[in-house]
Amino acid sequence: MAEFTGSLASYSARWSFFTYLGAIAIGTGLLALPAARAPAQPPLTLVDAAFTATSACCVTGLTVRSTVEDFSPFGQGVILVLIQLGGLGIMTITTLLLFQIGGEATVRQRAVIAETLGIKSAQGLRQLALMVFVVVLSAELIGFLLLTAATWGSREPLEVIW
């Protein structure tokens, strides 16, 4: 087992796979909770929860149940976070966290991250990850503001914002 887990850091494809698998597993568990479904809705099966979590993480957006009608705000929030993780890329977020929390990465870790992100050099990973994060969140903020302005007054303010 130690040999396998040690190889996760050496092979970016394995690391990416298990990072996504972990996010999907956590999302599946959270979506299967009773708190994730709207009142008076039947429980979500484990298969449906796994499908929804996988679809959200992989940015396809397919669901077997209506997100608005069948999920509570908690369940909708879980789906939103999974979509955000998938959209930004778990690797980009992991890279940012590595540099912000853990300081400097080893040469091997930088090489694995650079290979996963498809860049030729491990130099500039922090700037790349930060740039991706800022650009995506800026675009989302602009979209949020435009949609909020366009639908303001059609519903309750908190409902429009959500």
Foldseek 3Di string as FASTA:
>chain_A
DVVVVVCLLQALVNVQVVLLVVQLVVQLVQCQDPQFWDPPADGDDSVQSSVLLNCLQQVVRDHPDDNVHTTDPSNVVSSVVSNVCNVLDVLLVVLQCCCVPVNDDDLSNLVSSCVNVVHDDSPPSNVVSVVSVVVVVVVVVVVLVVQLVVCPPVDPNVVSND
